[in-house]
Amino acid sequence: MVMQDILARRLSNFAPLEGDEAALLARLSAERPRRVPARADIAREGDPTQVLRIILSGWACRYRTLEDGRRQILGILLPGDTCDLNNDVLEEMDHSIGSLTPLHYAELPHERLARWLDDKPRLARAFWWHMMTTISIQREWTLNLSRNAFERIGNLFCELFFRLRAVGLNQGNKIEFPVTQIEIGEATGLTPVHVNRTLQDMRSEGLIILKDRVLEIPDIQALERAILYSPAYLHLGRRRPRPPESALLGQGAGGG
């Protein structure tokens, strides 16, 4: 897979794209390329909000840090995701974005994106749906805190599997999984000890195989049933006709 194609793969889940639109997305993805190592910040809370970031390869996360140093992961960013498409309406970042793995991403000034999409309403619509799905995922992460540990971790695994599969980054029932047990805890509100015990329970029930940074889900439907999971909030493959005009890029709105 060509890294510059990954954004088109993500957005095609929300709107059918033509050849010239995919070519434009490849040009967007080639703008101002950046690379950082694992566990590095690419944006910090309080930074000015000037650019859109497109994840081309690697994993990143949104997070906040408490005054005592504890970190809460607010979301995981995967290849094809955009970081804060709508943050140009804010004066500064209200959270940080850090790499979980070596990361390759592109930066694009918001005004440049809006100008390029002026005559591309279908692409603007796809970005709009991407934004709405990001908001939907955030609501699901909030809901996840009301679940037990088994369900929290299982929901995280299922979500990441479906999101990676949507852009062709699965190998059958396997995905790369470079997240540590500490980071799983930071994303689910659990202690590392609780995470470890829960993973042992999931392994013993044959629901997952987690080894060498690879997650295998032998029977995805069995895992979904065990944790009461529904992927509806991801809105994958739901190509709706159009958003309200006020929500289109370049008209005062943006996306996640």
C-alpha atoms as a PDB file:
ATOM      1  CA  MET A   1       0.000   0.000   0.000  1.00  0.00           C
ATOM      2  CA  VAL A   2       1.264   3.458  -0.931  1.00  0.00           C
ATOM      3  CA  MET A   3       1.171   5.661   2.163  1.00  0.00           C
ATOM      4  CA  GLN A   4      -0.297   8.565   0.205  1.00  0.00           C
ATOM      5  CA  ASP A   5      -3.316   6.383  -0.657  1.00  0.00           C
ATOM      6  CA  ILE A   6      -4.278   5.815   2.966  1.00  0.00           C
ATOM      7  CA  LEU A   7      -6.366   8.991   3.329  1.00  0.00           C
ATOM      8  CA  ALA A   8      -8.399   8.057   0.249  1.00  0.00           C
ATOM      9  CA  ARG A   9      -8.972   4.609   1.720  1.00  0.00           C
ATOM     10  CA  ARG A  10     -10.255   6.160   4.944  1.00  0.00           C
ATOM     11  CA  LEU A  11     -12.520   8.726   3.294  1.00  0.00           C
ATOM     12  CA  SER A  12     -13.935   6.248   0.787  1.00  0.00           C
ATOM     13  CA  ASN A  13     -15.762   4.674   3.727  1.00  0.00           C
ATOM     14  CA  PHE A  14     -17.922   7.800   3.815  1.00  0.00           C
ATOM     15  CA  ALA A  15     -18.288   8.839   0.158  1.00  0.00           C
ATOM     16  CA  PRO A  16     -17.457   7.230  -3.198  1.00  0.00           C
ATOM     17  CA  LEU A  17     -14.375   8.904  -4.652  1.00  0.00           C
ATOM     18  CA  GLU A  18     -13.388   9.418  -8.275  1.00  0.00           C
ATOM     19  CA  GLY A  19      -9.884   9.255  -9.685  1.00  0.00           C
ATOM     20  CA  ASP A  20      -9.179  12.986  -9.606  1.00  0.00           C
ATOM     21  CA  GLU A  21     -10.406  13.178  -6.011  1.00  0.00           C
ATOM     22  CA  ALA A  22      -8.104  10.349  -4.939  1.00  0.00           C
ATOM     23  CA  ALA A  23      -5.249  12.105  -6.740  1.00  0.00           C
ATOM     24  CA  LEU A  24      -5.992  15.313  -4.841  1.00  0.00           C
ATOM     25  CA  LEU A  25      -5.937  13.417  -1.546  1.00  0.00           C
ATOM     26  CA  ALA A  26      -2.555  11.954  -2.489  1.00  0.00           C
ATOM     27  CA  ARG A  27      -1.294  15.518  -3.068  1.00  0.00           C
ATOM     28  CA  LEU A  28      -2.682  16.603   0.299  1.00  0.00           C
ATOM     29  CA  SER A  29      -0.933  13.675   1.957  1.00  0.00           C
ATOM     30  CA  ALA A  30       2.394  14.614   0.368  1.00  0.00           C
ATOM     31  CA  GLU A  31       2.334  18.142   1.812  1.00  0.00           C
ATOM     32  CA  ARG A  32       4.994  18.922   4.411  1.00  0.00           C
ATOM     33  CA  PRO A  33       5.914  15.358   5.423  1.00  0.00           C
ATOM     34  CA  ARG A  34       7.054  14.817   9.007  1.00  0.00           C
ATOM     35  CA  ARG A  35       8.575  11.870  10.865  1.00  0.00           C
ATOM     36  CA  VAL A  36       8.950  11.407  14.616  1.00  0.00           C
ATOM     37  CA  PRO A  37      10.093   8.493  16.777  1.00  0.00           C
ATOM     38  CA  ALA A  38       7.846   6.579  19.148  1.00  0.00           C
ATOM     39  CA  ARG A  39       6.695   8.344  22.344  1.00  0.00           C
ATOM     40  CA  ALA A  40       7.192  11.862  20.982  1.00  0.00           C
ATOM     41  CA  ASP A  41       4.719  14.737  20.965  1.00  0.00           C
ATOM     42  CA  ILE A  42       3.641  16.171  17.638  1.00  0.00           C
ATOM     43  CA  ALA A  43       1.336  18.735  19.276  1.00  0.00           C
ATOM     44  CA  ARG A  44       1.063  19.895  22.872  1.00  0.00           C
ATOM     45  CA  GLU A  45      -1.789  21.310  24.869  1.00  0.00           C
ATOM     46  CA  GLY A  46      -1.629  25.097  24.510  1.00  0.00           C
ATOM     47  CA  ASP A  47       0.031  25.053  21.076  1.00  0.00           C
ATOM     48  CA  PRO A  48      -1.520  27.285  18.395  1.00  0.00           C
ATOM     49  CA  THR A  49      -3.950  25.492  16.083  1.00  0.00           C
ATOM     50  CA  GLN A  50      -2.576  26.132  12.629  1.00  0.00           C
ATOM     51  CA  VAL A  51      -2.421  22.871  10.702  1.00  0.00           C
ATOM     52  CA  LEU A  52      -4.259  19.681   9.908  1.00  0.00           C
ATOM     53  CA  ARG A  53      -2.194  16.537  10.431  1.00  0.00           C
ATOM     54  CA  ILE A  54      -2.767  13.402   8.330  1.00  0.00           C
ATOM     55  CA  ILE A  55      -1.481  10.124   9.772  1.00  0.00           C
ATOM     56  CA  LEU A  56       0.209   8.168   6.977  1.00  0.00           C
ATOM     57  CA  SER A  57       1.812   5.343   8.933  1.00  0.00           C
ATOM     58  CA  GLY A  58       2.213   4.449  12.581  1.00  0.00           C
ATOM     59  CA  TRP A  59      -0.053   4.972  15.597  1.00  0.00           C
ATOM     60  CA  ALA A  60      -0.632   8.095  17.690  1.00  0.00           C
ATOM     61  CA  CYS A  61      -2.934   9.127  20.520  1.00  0.00           C
ATOM     62  CA  ARG A  62      -4.754  12.131  21.895  1.00  0.00           C
ATOM     63  CA  TYR A  63      -4.126  12.580  25.609  1.00  0.00           C
ATOM     64  CA  ARG A  64      -4.333  14.842  28.653  1.00  0.00           C
ATOM     65  CA  THR A  65      -1.992  14.750  31.629  1.00  0.00           C
ATOM     66  CA  LEU A  66      -3.163  15.385  35.173  1.00  0.00           C
ATOM     67  CA  GLU A  67      -1.201  17.580  37.571  1.00  0.00           C
ATOM     68  CA  ASP A  68       0.204  14.519  39.362  1.00  0.00           C
ATOM     69  CA  GLY A  69       1.573  13.112  36.085  1.00  0.00           C
ATOM     70  CA  ARG A  70      -1.109  10.549  35.336  1.00  0.00           C
ATOM     71  CA  ARG A  71      -2.039  10.354  31.656  1.00  0.00           C
ATOM     72  CA  GLN A  72      -5.443   9.634  30.142  1.00  0.00           C
ATOM     73  CA  ILE A  73      -5.504   8.564  26.502  1.00  0.00           C
ATOM     74  CA  LEU A  74      -8.558  10.141  24.883  1.00  0.00           C
ATOM     75  CA  GLY A  75      -8.363   8.442  21.507  1.00  0.00           C
ATOM     76  CA  ILE A  76      -6.082   6.419  19.258  1.00  0.00           C
ATOM     77  CA  LEU A  77      -5.154   7.720  15.811  1.00  0.00           C
ATOM     78  CA  LEU A  78      -4.479   5.208  13.031  1.00  0.00           C
ATOM     79  CA  PRO A  79      -3.210   5.486   9.443  1.00  0.00           C
ATOM     80  CA  GLY A  80      -5.680   7.479   7.361  1.00  0.00           C
ATOM     81  CA  ASP A  81      -6.939   9.503  10.318  1.00  0.00           C
ATOM     82  CA  THR A  82      -6.782  13.287  10.441  1.00  0.00           C
ATOM     83  CA  CYS A  83      -5.898  15.135  13.616  1.00  0.00           C
ATOM     84  CA  ASP A  84      -8.241  17.956  14.556  1.00  0.00           C
ATOM     85  CA  LEU A  85      -9.686  18.942  11.219  1.00  0.00           C
ATOM     86  CA  ASN A  86     -11.907  21.452  13.016  1.00  0.00           C
ATOM     87  CA  ASN A  87      -9.394  22.961  15.427  1.00  0.00           C
ATOM     88  CA  ASP A  88      -8.853  26.035  13.282  1.00  0.00           C
ATOM     89  CA  VAL A  89     -11.820  27.582  15.106  1.00  0.00           C
ATOM     90  CA  LEU A  90      -9.855  27.365  18.383  1.00  0.00           C
ATOM     91  CA  GLU A  91      -6.969  29.530  19.466  1.00  0.00           C
ATOM     92  CA  GLU A  92      -4.946  26.726  21.016  1.00  0.00           C
ATOM     93  CA  MET A  93      -4.842  22.962  21.423  1.00  0.00           C
ATOM     94  CA  ASP A  94      -6.911  21.684  24.347  1.00  0.00           C
ATOM     95  CA  HIS A  95      -5.094  18.322  24.390  1.00  0.00           C
ATOM     96  CA  SER A  96      -1.799  16.839  23.263  1.00  0.00           C
ATOM     97  CA  ILE A  97      -1.073  14.388  20.452  1.00  0.00           C
ATOM     98  CA  GLY A  98       1.768  11.921  20.879  1.00  0.00           C
ATOM     99  CA  SER A  99       3.178   9.074  18.825  1.00  0.00           C
ATOM    100  CA  LEU A 100       2.814   5.520  20.122  1.00  0.00           C
ATOM    101  CA  THR A 101       5.106   4.162  17.396  1.00  0.00           C
ATOM    102  CA  PRO A 102       7.474   5.735  14.873  1.00  0.00           C
ATOM    103  CA  LEU A 103       5.117   8.037  13.010  1.00  0.00           C
ATOM    104  CA  HIS A 104       4.961   9.425   9.496  1.00  0.00           C
ATOM    105  CA  TYR A 105       2.439  12.201   8.950  1.00  0.00           C
ATOM    106  CA  ALA A 106       1.758  15.215   6.755  1.00  0.00           C
ATOM    107  CA  GLU A 107       0.910  18.761   7.795  1.00  0.00           C
ATOM    108  CA  LEU A 108      -1.454  21.005   5.877  1.00  0.00           C
ATOM    109  CA  PRO A 109      -2.534  24.565   6.751  1.00  0.00           C
ATOM    110  CA  HIS A 110      -6.305  24.729   7.265  1.00  0.00           C
ATOM    111  CA  GLU A 111      -6.822  27.558   4.792  1.00  0.00           C
ATOM    112  CA  ARG A 112      -4.975  25.586   2.104  1.00  0.00           C
ATOM    113  CA  LEU A 113      -7.228  22.576   2.628  1.00  0.00           C
ATOM    114  CA  ALA A 114     -10.370  24.734   2.461  1.00  0.00           C
ATOM    115  CA  ARG A 115      -9.149  26.348  -0.764  1.00  0.00           C
ATOM    116  CA  TRP A 116      -8.404  22.993  -2.385  1.00  0.00           C
ATOM    117  CA  LEU A 117     -11.851  21.686  -1.476  1.00  0.00           C
ATOM    118  CA  ASP A 118     -13.800  24.724  -2.684  1.00  0.00           C
ATOM    119  CA  ASP A 119     -14.883  22.948  -5.865  1.00  0.00           C
ATOM    120  CA  LYS A 120     -14.843  19.410  -4.429  1.00  0.00           C
ATOM    121  CA  PRO A 121     -18.150  19.089  -2.541  1.00  0.00           C
ATOM    122  CA  ARG A 122     -17.966  15.299  -2.447  1.00  0.00           C
ATOM    123  CA  LEU A 123     -14.547  15.395  -0.785  1.00  0.00           C
ATOM    124  CA  ALA A 124     -15.778  18.065   1.627  1.00  0.00           C
ATOM    125  CA  ARG A 125     -18.679  15.772   2.444  1.00  0.00           C
ATOM    126  CA  ALA A 126     -16.310  12.859   3.072  1.00  0.00           C
ATOM    127  CA  PHE A 127     -14.193  14.974   5.429  1.00  0.00           C
ATOM    128  CA  TRP A 128     -17.385  16.058   7.184  1.00  0.00           C
ATOM    129  CA  TRP A 129     -18.422  12.443   7.749  1.00  0.00           C
ATOM    130  CA  HIS A 130     -14.927  11.640   8.976  1.00  0.00           C
ATOM    131  CA  MET A 131     -15.330  14.429  11.516  1.00  0.00           C
ATOM    132  CA  MET A 132     -18.739  13.178  12.640  1.00  0.00           C
ATOM    133  CA  THR A 133     -17.405   9.639  13.020  1.00  0.00           C
ATOM    134  CA  THR A 134     -14.534  10.919  15.159  1.00  0.00           C
ATOM    135  CA  ILE A 135     -17.071  12.608  17.430  1.00  0.00           C
ATOM    136  CA  SER A 136     -19.118   9.406  17.538  1.00  0.00           C
ATOM    137  CA  ILE A 137     -16.035   7.422  18.563  1.00  0.00           C
ATOM    138  CA  GLN A 138     -15.360   9.930  21.342  1.00  0.00           C
ATOM    139  CA  ARG A 139     -18.875   9.396  22.694  1.00  0.00           C
ATOM    140  CA  GLU A 140     -18.313   5.646  22.640  1.00  0.00           C
ATOM    141  CA  TRP A 141     -15.071   6.045  24.586  1.00  0.00           C
ATOM    142  CA  THR A 142     -16.974   7.992  27.228  1.00  0.00           C
ATOM    143  CA  LEU A 143     -19.610   5.253  27.378  1.00  0.00           C
ATOM    144  CA  ASN A 144     -16.879   2.638  27.661  1.00  0.00           C
ATOM    145  CA  LEU A 145     -15.994   3.937  31.125  1.00  0.00           C
ATOM    146  CA  SER A 146     -19.340   2.594  32.388  1.00  0.00           C
ATOM    147  CA  ARG A 147     -18.434  -0.961  31.309  1.00  0.00           C
ATOM    148  CA  ASN A 148     -16.490  -3.563  33.261  1.00  0.00           C
ATOM    149  CA  ALA A 149     -12.815  -4.207  32.529  1.00  0.00           C
ATOM    150  CA  PHE A 150     -13.485  -7.195  30.273  1.00  0.00           C
ATOM    151  CA  GLU A 151     -15.892  -5.145  28.157  1.00  0.00           C
ATOM    152  CA  ARG A 152     -13.696  -2.029  28.093  1.00  0.00           C
ATOM    153  CA  ILE A 153     -10.657  -3.830  26.733  1.00  0.00           C
ATOM    154  CA  GLY A 154     -12.716  -5.978  24.381  1.00  0.00           C
ATOM    155  CA  ASN A 155     -14.415  -2.901  22.944  1.00  0.00           C
ATOM    156  CA  LEU A 156     -11.041  -1.267  22.384  1.00  0.00           C
ATOM    157  CA  PHE A 157      -9.760  -4.366  20.562  1.00  0.00           C
ATOM    158  CA  CYS A 158     -12.848  -4.631  18.356  1.00  0.00           C
ATOM    159  CA  GLU A 159     -12.821  -0.947  17.460  1.00  0.00           C
ATOM    160  CA  LEU A 160      -9.175  -0.941  16.435  1.00  0.00           C
ATOM    161  CA  PHE A 161      -9.645  -4.140  14.432  1.00  0.00           C
ATOM    162  CA  PHE A 162     -12.589  -2.723  12.462  1.00  0.00           C
ATOM    163  CA  ARG A 163     -10.916   0.646  11.881  1.00  0.00           C
ATOM    164  CA  LEU A 164      -7.732  -0.976  10.572  1.00  0.00           C
ATOM    165  CA  ARG A 165      -9.670  -3.449   8.448  1.00  0.00           C
ATOM    166  CA  ALA A 166     -11.569  -0.531   6.865  1.00  0.00           C
ATOM    167  CA  VAL A 167      -8.303   0.717   5.314  1.00  0.00           C
ATOM    168  CA  GLY A 168      -6.892  -2.721   4.501  1.00  0.00           C
ATOM    169  CA  LEU A 169      -4.414  -2.913   7.380  1.00  0.00           C
ATOM    170  CA  ASN A 170      -5.483  -6.316   8.666  1.00  0.00           C
ATOM    171  CA  GLN A 171      -4.191  -9.745   7.776  1.00  0.00           C
ATOM    172  CA  GLY A 172      -7.299 -11.848   8.055  1.00  0.00           C
ATOM    173  CA  ASN A 173      -8.184 -11.884  11.732  1.00  0.00           C
ATOM    174  CA  LYS A 174      -4.856 -10.323  12.769  1.00  0.00           C
ATOM    175  CA  ILE A 175      -3.721  -6.723  13.184  1.00  0.00           C
ATOM    176  CA  GLU A 176      -0.524  -5.135  14.378  1.00  0.00           C
ATOM    177  CA  PHE A 177      -0.973  -4.051  17.975  1.00  0.00           C
ATOM    178  CA  PRO A 178       1.952  -1.949  19.245  1.00  0.00           C
ATOM    179  CA  VAL A 179       0.124  -0.693  22.360  1.00  0.00           C
ATOM    180  CA  THR A 180       1.554  -1.630  25.764  1.00  0.00           C
ATOM    181  CA  GLN A 181      -0.470  -2.813  28.751  1.00  0.00           C
ATOM    182  CA  ILE A 182       0.200   0.530  30.434  1.00  0.00           C
ATOM    183  CA  GLU A 183      -1.243   2.337  27.406  1.00  0.00           C
ATOM    184  CA  ILE A 184      -4.257   0.012  27.327  1.00  0.00           C
ATOM    185  CA  GLY A 185      -4.848   1.058  30.937  1.00  0.00           C
ATOM    186  CA  GLU A 186      -4.483   4.736  30.075  1.00  0.00           C
ATOM    187  CA  ALA A 187      -7.060   4.319  27.300  1.00  0.00           C
ATOM    188  CA  THR A 188      -9.573   2.380  29.411  1.00  0.00           C
ATOM    189  CA  GLY A 189      -9.151   3.881  32.887  1.00  0.00           C
ATOM    190  CA  LEU A 190      -7.713   0.673  34.351  1.00  0.00           C
ATOM    191  CA  THR A 191      -4.559  -0.092  36.318  1.00  0.00           C
ATOM    192  CA  PRO A 192      -1.825  -2.135  34.613  1.00  0.00           C
ATOM    193  CA  VAL A 193      -2.495  -4.983  37.084  1.00  0.00           C
ATOM    194  CA  HIS A 194      -6.180  -5.009  36.165  1.00  0.00           C
ATOM    195  CA  VAL A 195      -5.312  -4.921  32.470  1.00  0.00           C
ATOM    196  CA  ASN A 196      -2.947  -7.868  32.858  1.00  0.00           C
ATOM    197  CA  ARG A 197      -5.529  -9.981  34.671  1.00  0.00           C
ATOM    198  CA  THR A 198      -8.211  -9.160  32.139  1.00  0.00           C
ATOM    199  CA  LEU A 199      -5.962 -10.081  29.217  1.00  0.00           C
ATOM    200  CA  GLN A 200      -5.235 -13.411  30.887  1.00  0.00           C
ATOM    201  CA  ASP A 201      -8.979 -14.031  31.207  1.00  0.00           C
ATOM    202  CA  MET A 202      -9.556 -13.177  27.534  1.00  0.00           C
ATOM    203  CA  ARG A 203      -6.747 -15.492  26.483  1.00  0.00           C
ATOM    204  CA  SER A 204      -7.994 -18.353  28.643  1.00  0.00           C
ATOM    205  CA  GLU A 205     -11.442 -18.064  27.040  1.00  0.00           C
ATOM    206  CA  GLY A 206      -9.880 -18.238  23.587  1.00  0.00           C
ATOM    207  CA  LEU A 207     -11.144 -14.802  22.571  1.00  0.00           C
ATOM    208  CA  ILE A 208      -7.770 -13.247  21.725  1.00  0.00           C
ATOM    209  CA  ILE A 209      -4.168 -14.152  21.029  1.00  0.00           C
ATOM    210  CA  LEU A 210      -1.851 -11.238  21.831  1.00  0.00           C
ATOM    211  CA  LYS A 211       1.797 -11.917  21.150  1.00  0.00           C
ATOM    212  CA  ASP A 212       4.792 -10.121  19.634  1.00  0.00           C
ATOM    213  CA  ARG A 213       2.842  -6.895  19.000  1.00  0.00           C
ATOM    214  CA  VAL A 214       0.181  -8.743  17.017  1.00  0.00           C
ATOM    215  CA  LEU A 215      -3.458  -9.108  18.065  1.00  0.00           C
ATOM    216  CA  GLU A 216      -5.337 -12.101  16.686  1.00  0.00           C
ATOM    217  CA  ILE A 217      -9.088 -12.432  17.210  1.00  0.00           C
ATOM    218  CA  PRO A 218      -9.910 -16.044  16.255  1.00  0.00           C
ATOM    219  CA  ASP A 219     -13.668 -15.418  16.141  1.00  0.00           C
ATOM    220  CA  ILE A 220     -14.623 -11.735  15.951  1.00  0.00           C
ATOM    221  CA  GLN A 221     -18.340 -12.504  16.375  1.00  0.00           C
ATOM    222  CA  ALA A 222     -17.652 -14.505  19.518  1.00  0.00           C
ATOM    223  CA  LEU A 223     -15.719 -11.579  20.985  1.00  0.00           C
ATOM    224  CA  GLU A 224     -18.492  -9.160  20.004  1.00  0.00           C
ATOM    225  CA  ARG A 225     -21.063 -11.324  21.781  1.00  0.00           C
ATOM    226  CA  ALA A 226     -18.906 -11.700  24.880  1.00  0.00           C
ATOM    227  CA  ILE A 227     -18.449  -7.946  25.331  1.00  0.00           C
ATOM    228  CA  LEU A 228     -21.800  -6.763  23.907  1.00  0.00           C
ATOM    229  CA  TYR A 229     -20.071  -4.875  21.110  1.00  0.00           C
ATOM    230  CA  SER A 230     -21.700  -3.129  18.156  1.00  0.00           C
ATOM    231  CA  PRO A 231     -19.594  -1.311  15.506  1.00  0.00           C
ATOM    232  CA  ALA A 232     -22.525   0.876  14.396  1.00  0.00           C
ATOM    233  CA  TYR A 233     -20.910   4.014  15.888  1.00  0.00           C
ATOM    234  CA  LEU A 234     -18.013   3.691  13.427  1.00  0.00           C
ATOM    235  CA  HIS A 235     -20.393   4.343  10.497  1.00  0.00           C
ATOM    236  CA  LEU A 236     -18.174   2.334   8.170  1.00  0.00           C
ATOM    237  CA  GLY A 237     -19.443   2.128   4.617  1.00  0.00           C
ATOM    238  CA  ARG A 238     -22.406   4.405   5.314  1.00  0.00           C
ATOM    239  CA  ARG A 239     -22.346   6.830   2.415  1.00  0.00           C
ATOM    240  CA  ARG A 240     -25.048   9.313   3.322  1.00  0.00           C
ATOM    241  CA  PRO A 241     -26.320  11.792   0.698  1.00  0.00           C
ATOM    242  CA  ARG A 242     -25.128  15.126   2.131  1.00  0.00           C
ATOM    243  CA  PRO A 243     -24.612  17.072   5.374  1.00  0.00           C
ATOM    244  CA  PRO A 244     -26.179  20.432   6.141  1.00  0.00           C
ATOM    245  CA  GLU A 245     -24.583  23.158   4.014  1.00  0.00           C
ATOM    246  CA  SER A 246     -23.260  24.961   7.088  1.00  0.00           C
ATOM    247  CA  ALA A 247     -21.213  21.901   7.980  1.00  0.00           C
ATOM    248  CA  LEU A 248     -19.236  21.771   4.718  1.00  0.00           C
ATOM    249  CA  LEU A 249     -15.575  22.645   4.915  1.00  0.00           C
ATOM    250  CA  GLY A 250     -14.862  26.224   4.034  1.00  0.00           C
ATOM    251  CA  GLN A 251     -18.202  27.327   5.473  1.00  0.00           C
ATOM    252  CA  GLY A 252     -17.273  27.568   9.118  1.00  0.00           C
ATOM    253  CA  ALA A 253     -17.038  23.914  10.174  1.00  0.00           C
ATOM    254  CA  GLY A 254     -14.423  21.233  10.217  1.00  0.00           C
ATOM    255  CA  GLY A 255     -13.770  17.766  11.532  1.00  0.00           C
ATOM    256  CA  GLY A 256     -11.835  15.442  13.717  1.00  0.00           C
END
